[in-house]
Amino acid sequence: MSQPAVSKHLKVLERAGLISRSRAGTSRYSHLEGERLKEAGAWMLRYAEAWNAGFDRLDAALADYMATERSQPQNQDEKEKE
């Protein structure tokens, strides 16, 4: 990852309050903000069950689709290619 990309990511985290940044001479330090990270984690947990249920439904739908595709007879064009 390039240095400009890292800087952009750090800026986003800082704006969200998840990290704080400081300077000492030419050095720049980033500090995790534990309480804010805890709040973000708690927020994500509230939605995790819904997200996981949605992914489970998507997995089931894709499995059904793949099973249907495998059970369909090939059309004439596909047979001629073989």
PDB file of N, CA and C in Angstrom:
ATOM      1  N   MET A   1       0.855  -1.164   0.000  1.00  0.00           N
ATOM      2  CA  MET A   1       0.000   0.000   0.000  1.00  0.00           C
ATOM      3  C   MET A   1       0.904   1.231   0.000  1.00  0.00           C
ATOM      4  N   SER A   2       0.562   2.185  -0.814  1.00  0.00           N
ATOM      5  CA  SER A   2       1.392   3.382  -0.920  1.00  0.00           C
ATOM      6  C   SER A   2       1.203   4.294   0.290  1.00  0.00           C
ATOM      7  N   GLN A   3       2.172   5.176   0.504  1.00  0.00           N
ATOM      8  CA  GLN A   3       2.093   6.112   1.618  1.00  0.00           C
ATOM      9  C   GLN A   3       0.891   7.046   1.487  1.00  0.00           C
ATOM     10  N   PRO A   4       0.579   7.579   0.287  1.00  0.00           N
ATOM     11  CA  PRO A   4      -0.607   8.419   0.165  1.00  0.00           C
ATOM     12  C   PRO A   4      -1.904   7.661   0.492  1.00  0.00           C
ATOM     13  N   ALA A   5      -1.970   6.395   0.131  1.00  0.00           N
ATOM     14  CA  ALA A   5      -3.160   5.596   0.438  1.00  0.00           C
ATOM     15  C   ALA A   5      -3.299   5.404   1.943  1.00  0.00           C
ATOM     16  N   VAL A   6      -2.189   5.138   2.616  1.00  0.00           N
ATOM     17  CA  VAL A   6      -2.206   4.990   4.081  1.00  0.00           C
ATOM     18  C   VAL A   6      -2.676   6.294   4.717  1.00  0.00           C
ATOM     19  N   SER A   7      -2.165   7.411   4.234  1.00  0.00           N
ATOM     20  CA  SER A   7      -2.554   8.717   4.776  1.00  0.00           C
ATOM     21  C   SER A   7      -4.048   8.964   4.615  1.00  0.00           C
ATOM     22  N   LYS A   8      -4.594   8.606   3.461  1.00  0.00           N
ATOM     23  CA  LYS A   8      -6.034   8.774   3.235  1.00  0.00           C
ATOM     24  C   LYS A   8      -6.847   7.936   4.221  1.00  0.00           C
ATOM     25  N   HIS A   9      -6.427   6.689   4.414  1.00  0.00           N
ATOM     26  CA  HIS A   9      -7.124   5.819   5.360  1.00  0.00           C
ATOM     27  C   HIS A   9      -7.059   6.382   6.780  1.00  0.00           C
ATOM     28  N   LEU A  10      -5.890   6.842   7.171  1.00  0.00           N
ATOM     29  CA  LEU A  10      -5.735   7.410   8.508  1.00  0.00           C
ATOM     30  C   LEU A  10      -6.602   8.659   8.681  1.00  0.00           C
ATOM     31  N   LYS A  11      -6.704   9.474   7.625  1.00  0.00           N
ATOM     32  CA  LYS A  11      -7.533  10.674   7.689  1.00  0.00           C
ATOM     33  C   LYS A  11      -9.003  10.316   7.923  1.00  0.00           C
ATOM     34  N   VAL A  12      -9.477   9.270   7.234  1.00  0.00           N
ATOM     35  CA  VAL A  12     -10.860   8.822   7.411  1.00  0.00           C
ATOM     36  C   VAL A  12     -11.079   8.348   8.840  1.00  0.00           C
ATOM     37  N   LEU A  13     -10.154   7.556   9.360  1.00  0.00           N
ATOM     38  CA  LEU A  13     -10.269   7.069  10.740  1.00  0.00           C
ATOM     39  C   LEU A  13     -10.237   8.219  11.740  1.00  0.00           C
ATOM     40  N   GLU A  14      -9.416   9.219  11.451  1.00  0.00           N
ATOM     41  CA  GLU A  14      -9.326  10.373  12.350  1.00  0.00           C
ATOM     42  C   GLU A  14     -10.637  11.167  12.325  1.00  0.00           C
ATOM     43  N   ARG A  15     -11.188  11.388  11.134  1.00  0.00           N
ATOM     44  CA  ARG A  15     -12.461  12.118  11.039  1.00  0.00           C
ATOM     45  C   ARG A  15     -13.582  11.379  11.760  1.00  0.00           C
ATOM     46  N   ALA A  16     -13.517  10.049  11.767  1.00  0.00           N
ATOM     47  CA  ALA A  16     -14.531   9.245  12.441  1.00  0.00           C
ATOM     48  C   ALA A  16     -14.298   9.203  13.948  1.00  0.00           C
ATOM     49  N   GLY A  17     -13.167   9.723  14.398  1.00  0.00           N
ATOM     50  CA  GLY A  17     -12.868   9.735  15.829  1.00  0.00           C
ATOM     51  C   GLY A  17     -12.324   8.425  16.347  1.00  0.00           C
ATOM     52  N   LEU A  18     -11.918   7.530  15.451  1.00  0.00           N
ATOM     53  CA  LEU A  18     -11.406   6.227  15.866  1.00  0.00           C
ATOM     54  C   LEU A  18      -9.918   6.250  16.203  1.00  0.00           C
ATOM     55  N   ILE A  19      -9.222   7.263  15.679  1.00  0.00           N
ATOM     56  CA  ILE A  19      -7.818   7.460  16.030  1.00  0.00           C
ATOM     57  C   ILE A  19      -7.597   8.956  16.265  1.00  0.00           C
ATOM     58  N   SER A  20      -6.514   9.271  16.969  1.00  0.00           N
ATOM     59  CA  SER A  20      -6.064  10.650  17.078  1.00  0.00           C
ATOM     60  C   SER A  20      -4.625  10.664  16.583  1.00  0.00           C
ATOM     61  N   ARG A  21      -4.201  11.828  16.103  1.00  0.00           N
ATOM     62  CA  ARG A  21      -2.854  11.926  15.556  1.00  0.00           C
ATOM     63  C   ARG A  21      -2.107  13.061  16.241  1.00  0.00           C
ATOM     64  N   SER A  22      -0.793  12.866  16.368  1.00  0.00           N
ATOM     65  CA  SER A  22       0.052  13.904  16.960  1.00  0.00           C
ATOM     66  C   SER A  22       1.388  13.912  16.238  1.00  0.00           C
ATOM     67  N   ARG A  23       2.116  14.985  16.462  1.00  0.00           N
ATOM     68  CA  ARG A  23       3.443  15.120  15.861  1.00  0.00           C
ATOM     69  C   ARG A  23       4.468  15.396  16.951  1.00  0.00           C
ATOM     70  N   ALA A  24       5.646  14.878  16.727  1.00  0.00           N
ATOM     71  CA  ALA A  24       6.800  15.189  17.573  1.00  0.00           C
ATOM     72  C   ALA A  24       7.976  15.359  16.619  1.00  0.00           C
ATOM     73  N   GLY A  25       8.305  16.597  16.326  1.00  0.00           N
ATOM     74  CA  GLY A  25       9.356  16.866  15.345  1.00  0.00           C
ATOM     75  C   GLY A  25       8.864  16.459  13.966  1.00  0.00           C
ATOM     76  N   THR A  26       9.625  15.592  13.329  1.00  0.00           N
ATOM     77  CA  THR A  26       9.222  15.126  11.996  1.00  0.00           C
ATOM     78  C   THR A  26       8.418  13.834  12.048  1.00  0.00           C
ATOM     79  N   SER A  27       8.265  13.281  13.234  1.00  0.00           N
ATOM     80  CA  SER A  27       7.513  12.030  13.381  1.00  0.00           C
ATOM     81  C   SER A  27       6.029  12.313  13.572  1.00  0.00           C
ATOM     82  N   ARG A  28       5.224  11.437  13.035  1.00  0.00           N
ATOM     83  CA  ARG A  28       3.776  11.527  13.214  1.00  0.00           C
ATOM     84  C   ARG A  28       3.301  10.247  13.878  1.00  0.00           C
ATOM     85  N   TYR A  29       2.486  10.395  14.891  1.00  0.00           N
ATOM     86  CA  TYR A  29       1.993   9.241  15.641  1.00  0.00           C
ATOM     87  C   TYR A  29       0.477   9.170  15.549  1.00  0.00           C
ATOM     88  N   SER A  30      -0.025   7.953  15.447  1.00  0.00           N
ATOM     89  CA  SER A  30      -1.466   7.716  15.457  1.00  0.00           C
ATOM     90  C   SER A  30      -1.788   6.887  16.692  1.00  0.00           C
ATOM     91  N   HIS A  31      -2.852   7.265  17.386  1.00  0.00           N
ATOM     92  CA  HIS A  31      -3.256   6.587  18.617  1.00  0.00           C
ATOM     93  C   HIS A  31      -4.686   6.096  18.476  1.00  0.00           C
ATOM     94  N   LEU A  32      -4.909   4.839  18.814  1.00  0.00           N
ATOM     95  CA  LEU A  32      -6.264   4.302  18.785  1.00  0.00           C
ATOM     96  C   LEU A  32      -7.093   4.925  19.896  1.00  0.00           C
ATOM     97  N   GLU A  33      -8.327   5.232  19.602  1.00  0.00           N
ATOM     98  CA  GLU A  33      -9.258   5.766  20.595  1.00  0.00           C
ATOM     99  C   GLU A  33     -10.159   4.617  21.033  1.00  0.00           C
ATOM    100  N   GLY A  34      -9.761   3.967  22.121  1.00  0.00           N
ATOM    101  CA  GLY A  34     -10.402   2.744  22.590  1.00  0.00           C
ATOM    102  C   GLY A  34     -11.903   2.860  22.804  1.00  0.00           C
ATOM    103  N   GLU A  35     -12.331   3.936  23.463  1.00  0.00           N
ATOM    104  CA  GLU A  35     -13.760   4.087  23.757  1.00  0.00           C
ATOM    105  C   GLU A  35     -14.572   4.213  22.471  1.00  0.00           C
ATOM    106  N   ARG A  36     -14.064   4.987  21.532  1.00  0.00           N
ATOM    107  CA  ARG A  36     -14.778   5.154  20.251  1.00  0.00           C
ATOM    108  C   ARG A  36     -14.793   3.848  19.460  1.00  0.00           C
ATOM    109  N   LEU A  37     -13.697   3.074  19.521  1.00  0.00           N
ATOM    110  CA  LEU A  37     -13.666   1.776  18.850  1.00  0.00           C
ATOM    111  C   LEU A  37     -14.673   0.820  19.476  1.00  0.00           C
ATOM    112  N   LYS A  38     -14.812   0.891  20.796  1.00  0.00           N
ATOM    113  CA  LYS A  38     -15.807   0.067  21.493  1.00  0.00           C
ATOM    114  C   LYS A  38     -17.210   0.418  21.021  1.00  0.00           C
ATOM    115  N   GLU A  39     -17.483   1.713  20.909  1.00  0.00           N
ATOM    116  CA  GLU A  39     -18.796   2.162  20.433  1.00  0.00           C
ATOM    117  C   GLU A  39     -19.061   1.667  19.010  1.00  0.00           C
ATOM    118  N   ALA A  40     -18.046   1.761  18.151  1.00  0.00           N
ATOM    119  CA  ALA A  40     -18.199   1.302  16.769  1.00  0.00           C
ATOM    120  C   ALA A  40     -18.444  -0.206  16.735  1.00  0.00           C
ATOM    121  N   GLY A  41     -17.737  -0.952  17.564  1.00  0.00           N
ATOM    122  CA  GLY A  41     -17.926  -2.399  17.632  1.00  0.00           C
ATOM    123  C   GLY A  41     -19.325  -2.766  18.104  1.00  0.00           C
ATOM    124  N   ALA A  42     -19.814  -2.048  19.092  1.00  0.00           N
ATOM    125  CA  ALA A  42     -21.170  -2.310  19.592  1.00  0.00           C
ATOM    126  C   ALA A  42     -22.208  -2.017  18.520  1.00  0.00           C
ATOM    127  N   TRP A  43     -22.010  -0.944  17.768  1.00  0.00           N
ATOM    128  CA  TRP A  43     -22.934  -0.599  16.683  1.00  0.00           C
ATOM    129  C   TRP A  43     -22.947  -1.710  15.626  1.00  0.00           C
ATOM    130  N   MET A  44     -21.762  -2.192  15.263  1.00  0.00           N
ATOM    131  CA  MET A  44     -21.668  -3.247  14.249  1.00  0.00           C
ATOM    132  C   MET A  44     -22.323  -4.534  14.722  1.00  0.00           C
ATOM    133  N   LEU A  45     -22.169  -4.868  15.997  1.00  0.00           N
ATOM    134  CA  LEU A  45     -22.775  -6.088  16.528  1.00  0.00           C
ATOM    135  C   LEU A  45     -24.302  -6.060  16.425  1.00  0.00           C
ATOM    136  N   ARG A  46     -24.885  -4.868  16.589  1.00  0.00           N
ATOM    137  CA  ARG A  46     -26.343  -4.757  16.487  1.00  0.00           C
ATOM    138  C   ARG A  46     -26.837  -5.175  15.104  1.00  0.00           C
ATOM    139  N   TYR A  47     -26.027  -4.939  14.087  1.00  0.00           N
ATOM    140  CA  TYR A  47     -26.429  -5.238  12.726  1.00  0.00           C
ATOM    141  C   TYR A  47     -25.875  -6.565  12.207  1.00  0.00           C
ATOM    142  N   ALA A  48     -24.949  -7.166  12.921  1.00  0.00           N
ATOM    143  CA  ALA A  48     -24.293  -8.393  12.453  1.00  0.00           C
ATOM    144  C   ALA A  48     -25.297  -9.516  12.210  1.00  0.00           C
ATOM    145  N   GLU A  49     -26.273  -9.682  13.104  1.00  0.00           N
ATOM    146  CA  GLU A  49     -27.246 -10.757  12.939  1.00  0.00           C
ATOM    147  C   GLU A  49     -28.041 -10.574  11.641  1.00  0.00           C
ATOM    148  N   ALA A  50     -28.462  -9.369  11.366  1.00  0.00           N
ATOM    149  CA  ALA A  50     -29.215  -9.097  10.139  1.00  0.00           C
ATOM    150  C   ALA A  50     -28.336  -9.312   8.911  1.00  0.00           C
ATOM    151  N   TRP A  51     -27.088  -8.841   8.963  1.00  0.00           N
ATOM    152  CA  TRP A  51     -26.179  -9.028   7.836  1.00  0.00           C
ATOM    153  C   TRP A  51     -25.944 -10.513   7.584  1.00  0.00           C
ATOM    154  N   ASN A  52     -25.678 -11.264   8.649  1.00  0.00           N
ATOM    155  CA  ASN A  52     -25.413 -12.698   8.497  1.00  0.00           C
ATOM    156  C   ASN A  52     -26.631 -13.432   7.953  1.00  0.00           C
ATOM    157  N   ALA A  53     -27.824 -13.060   8.407  1.00  0.00           N
ATOM    158  CA  ALA A  53     -29.040 -13.686   7.892  1.00  0.00           C
ATOM    159  C   ALA A  53     -29.186 -13.398   6.399  1.00  0.00           C
ATOM    160  N   GLY A  54     -28.880 -12.187   6.000  1.00  0.00           N
ATOM    161  CA  GLY A  54     -28.941 -11.840   4.571  1.00  0.00           C
ATOM    162  C   GLY A  54     -27.941 -12.640   3.759  1.00  0.00           C
ATOM    163  N   PHE A  55     -26.723 -12.799   4.273  1.00  0.00           N
ATOM    164  CA  PHE A  55     -25.713 -13.592   3.567  1.00  0.00           C
ATOM    165  C   PHE A  55     -26.131 -15.060   3.492  1.00  0.00           C
ATOM    166  N   ASP A  56     -26.743 -15.579   4.555  1.00  0.00           N
ATOM    167  CA  ASP A  56     -27.223 -16.960   4.542  1.00  0.00           C
ATOM    168  C   ASP A  56     -28.292 -17.147   3.469  1.00  0.00           C
ATOM    169  N   ARG A  57     -29.212 -16.161   3.348  1.00  0.00           N
ATOM    170  CA  ARG A  57     -30.244 -16.242   2.314  1.00  0.00           C
ATOM    171  C   ARG A  57     -29.621 -16.184   0.919  1.00  0.00           C
ATOM    172  N   LEU A  58     -28.625 -15.347   0.747  1.00  0.00           N
ATOM    173  CA  LEU A  58     -27.938 -15.249  -0.533  1.00  0.00           C
ATOM    174  C   LEU A  58     -27.240 -16.562  -0.871  1.00  0.00           C
ATOM    175  N   ASP A  59     -26.561 -17.158   0.103  1.00  0.00           N
ATOM    176  CA  ASP A  59     -25.908 -18.459  -0.113  1.00  0.00           C
ATOM    177  C   ASP A  59     -26.924 -19.511  -0.551  1.00  0.00           C
ATOM    178  N   ALA A  60     -28.081 -19.554   0.111  1.00  0.00           N
ATOM    179  CA  ALA A  60     -29.121 -20.535  -0.226  1.00  0.00           C
ATOM    180  C   ALA A  60     -29.658 -20.283  -1.626  1.00  0.00           C
ATOM    181  N   ALA A  61     -29.883 -19.015  -1.973  1.00  0.00           N
ATOM    182  CA  ALA A  61     -30.397 -18.683  -3.304  1.00  0.00           C
ATOM    183  C   ALA A  61     -29.388 -19.065  -4.382  1.00  0.00           C
ATOM    184  N   LEU A  62     -28.110 -18.810  -4.138  1.00  0.00           N
ATOM    185  CA  LEU A  62     -27.081 -19.181  -5.113  1.00  0.00           C
ATOM    186  C   LEU A  62     -26.968 -20.689  -5.251  1.00  0.00           C
ATOM    187  N   ALA A  63     -27.084 -21.418  -4.154  1.00  0.00           N
ATOM    188  CA  ALA A  63     -27.037 -22.879  -4.207  1.00  0.00           C
ATOM    189  C   ALA A  63     -28.222 -23.415  -5.005  1.00  0.00           C
ATOM    190  N   ASP A  64     -29.408 -22.848  -4.797  1.00  0.00           N
ATOM    191  CA  ASP A  64     -30.587 -23.257  -5.568  1.00  0.00           C
ATOM    192  C   ASP A  64     -30.390 -22.970  -7.047  1.00  0.00           C
ATOM    193  N   TYR A  65     -29.869 -21.798  -7.343  1.00  0.00           N
ATOM    194  CA  TYR A  65     -29.629 -21.419  -8.738  1.00  0.00           C
ATOM    195  C   TYR A  65     -28.645 -22.379  -9.396  1.00  0.00           C
ATOM    196  N   MET A  66     -27.551 -22.673  -8.698  1.00  0.00           N
ATOM    197  CA  MET A  66     -26.542 -23.577  -9.266  1.00  0.00           C
ATOM    198  C   MET A  66     -27.110 -24.976  -9.462  1.00  0.00           C
ATOM    199  N   ALA A  67     -27.927 -25.455  -8.537  1.00  0.00           N
ATOM    200  CA  ALA A  67     -28.540 -26.772  -8.668  1.00  0.00           C
ATOM    201  C   ALA A  67     -29.481 -26.792  -9.868  1.00  0.00           C
ATOM    202  N   THR A  68     -30.233 -25.722 -10.063  1.00  0.00           N
ATOM    203  CA  THR A  68     -31.158 -25.634 -11.204  1.00  0.00           C
ATOM    204  C   THR A  68     -30.383 -25.605 -12.511  1.00  0.00           C
ATOM    205  N   GLU A  69     -29.294 -24.829 -12.547  1.00  0.00           N
ATOM    206  CA  GLU A  69     -28.486 -24.741 -13.763  1.00  0.00           C
ATOM    207  C   GLU A  69     -27.898 -26.101 -14.138  1.00  0.00           C
ATOM    208  N   ARG A  70     -27.444 -26.851 -13.143  1.00  0.00           N
ATOM    209  CA  ARG A  70     -26.845 -28.163 -13.415  1.00  0.00           C
ATOM    210  C   ARG A  70     -27.885 -29.165 -13.898  1.00  0.00           C
ATOM    211  N   SER A  71     -29.118 -29.009 -13.451  1.00  0.00           N
ATOM    212  CA  SER A  71     -30.147 -29.985 -13.811  1.00  0.00           C
ATOM    213  C   SER A  71     -30.827 -29.663 -15.141  1.00  0.00           C
ATOM    214  N   GLN A  72     -30.599 -28.472 -15.695  1.00  0.00           N
ATOM    215  CA  GLN A  72     -31.220 -28.095 -16.965  1.00  0.00           C
ATOM    216  C   GLN A  72     -30.483 -28.784 -18.107  1.00  0.00           C
ATOM    217  N   PRO A  73     -31.235 -29.306 -19.095  1.00  0.00           N
ATOM    218  CA  PRO A  73     -30.559 -29.882 -20.257  1.00  0.00           C
ATOM    219  C   PRO A  73     -29.868 -28.776 -21.052  1.00  0.00           C
ATOM    220  N   GLN A  74     -28.756 -29.128 -21.678  1.00  0.00           N
ATOM    221  CA  GLN A  74     -28.033 -28.150 -22.483  1.00  0.00           C
ATOM    222  C   GLN A  74     -28.826 -27.870 -23.752  1.00  0.00           C
ATOM    223  N   ASN A  75     -28.750 -26.635 -24.246  1.00  0.00           N
ATOM    224  CA  ASN A  75     -29.443 -26.337 -25.499  1.00  0.00           C
ATOM    225  C   ASN A  75     -28.603 -26.833 -26.672  1.00  0.00           C
ATOM    226  N   GLN A  76     -29.167 -26.826 -27.854  1.00  0.00           N
ATOM    227  CA  GLN A  76     -28.531 -27.413 -29.046  1.00  0.00           C
ATOM    228  C   GLN A  76     -27.209 -26.737 -29.370  1.00  0.00           C
ATOM    229  N   ASP A  77     -27.108 -25.399 -29.228  1.00  0.00           N
ATOM    230  CA  ASP A  77     -25.855 -24.699 -29.523  1.00  0.00           C
ATOM    231  C   ASP A  77     -24.725 -25.176 -28.641  1.00  0.00           C
ATOM    232  N   GLU A  78     -24.988 -25.392 -27.366  1.00  0.00           N
ATOM    233  CA  GLU A  78     -23.954 -25.861 -26.449  1.00  0.00           C
ATOM    234  C   GLU A  78     -23.543 -27.279 -26.778  1.00  0.00           C
ATOM    235  N   LYS A  79     -24.486 -28.116 -27.223  1.00  0.00           N
ATOM    236  CA  LYS A  79     -24.152 -29.492 -27.595  1.00  0.00           C
ATOM    237  C   LYS A  79     -23.246 -29.519 -28.801  1.00  0.00           C
ATOM    238  N   GLU A  80     -23.476 -28.613 -29.762  1.00  0.00           N
ATOM    239  CA  GLU A  80     -22.673 -28.577 -30.980  1.00  0.00           C
ATOM    240  C   GLU A  80     -21.243 -28.126 -30.676  1.00  0.00           C
ATOM    241  N   LYS A  81     -21.038 -27.285 -29.676  1.00  0.00           N
ATOM    242  CA  LYS A  81     -19.706 -26.831 -29.316  1.00  0.00           C
ATOM    243  C   LYS A  81     -18.870 -27.962 -28.742  1.00  0.00           C
ATOM    244  N   GLU A  82     -19.519 -28.935 -28.138  1.00  0.00           N
ATOM    245  CA  GLU A  82     -18.778 -30.054 -27.521  1.00  0.00           C
ATOM    246  C   GLU A  82     -18.318 -30.951 -28.596  1.00  0.00           C
TER     247      GLU A  82
END
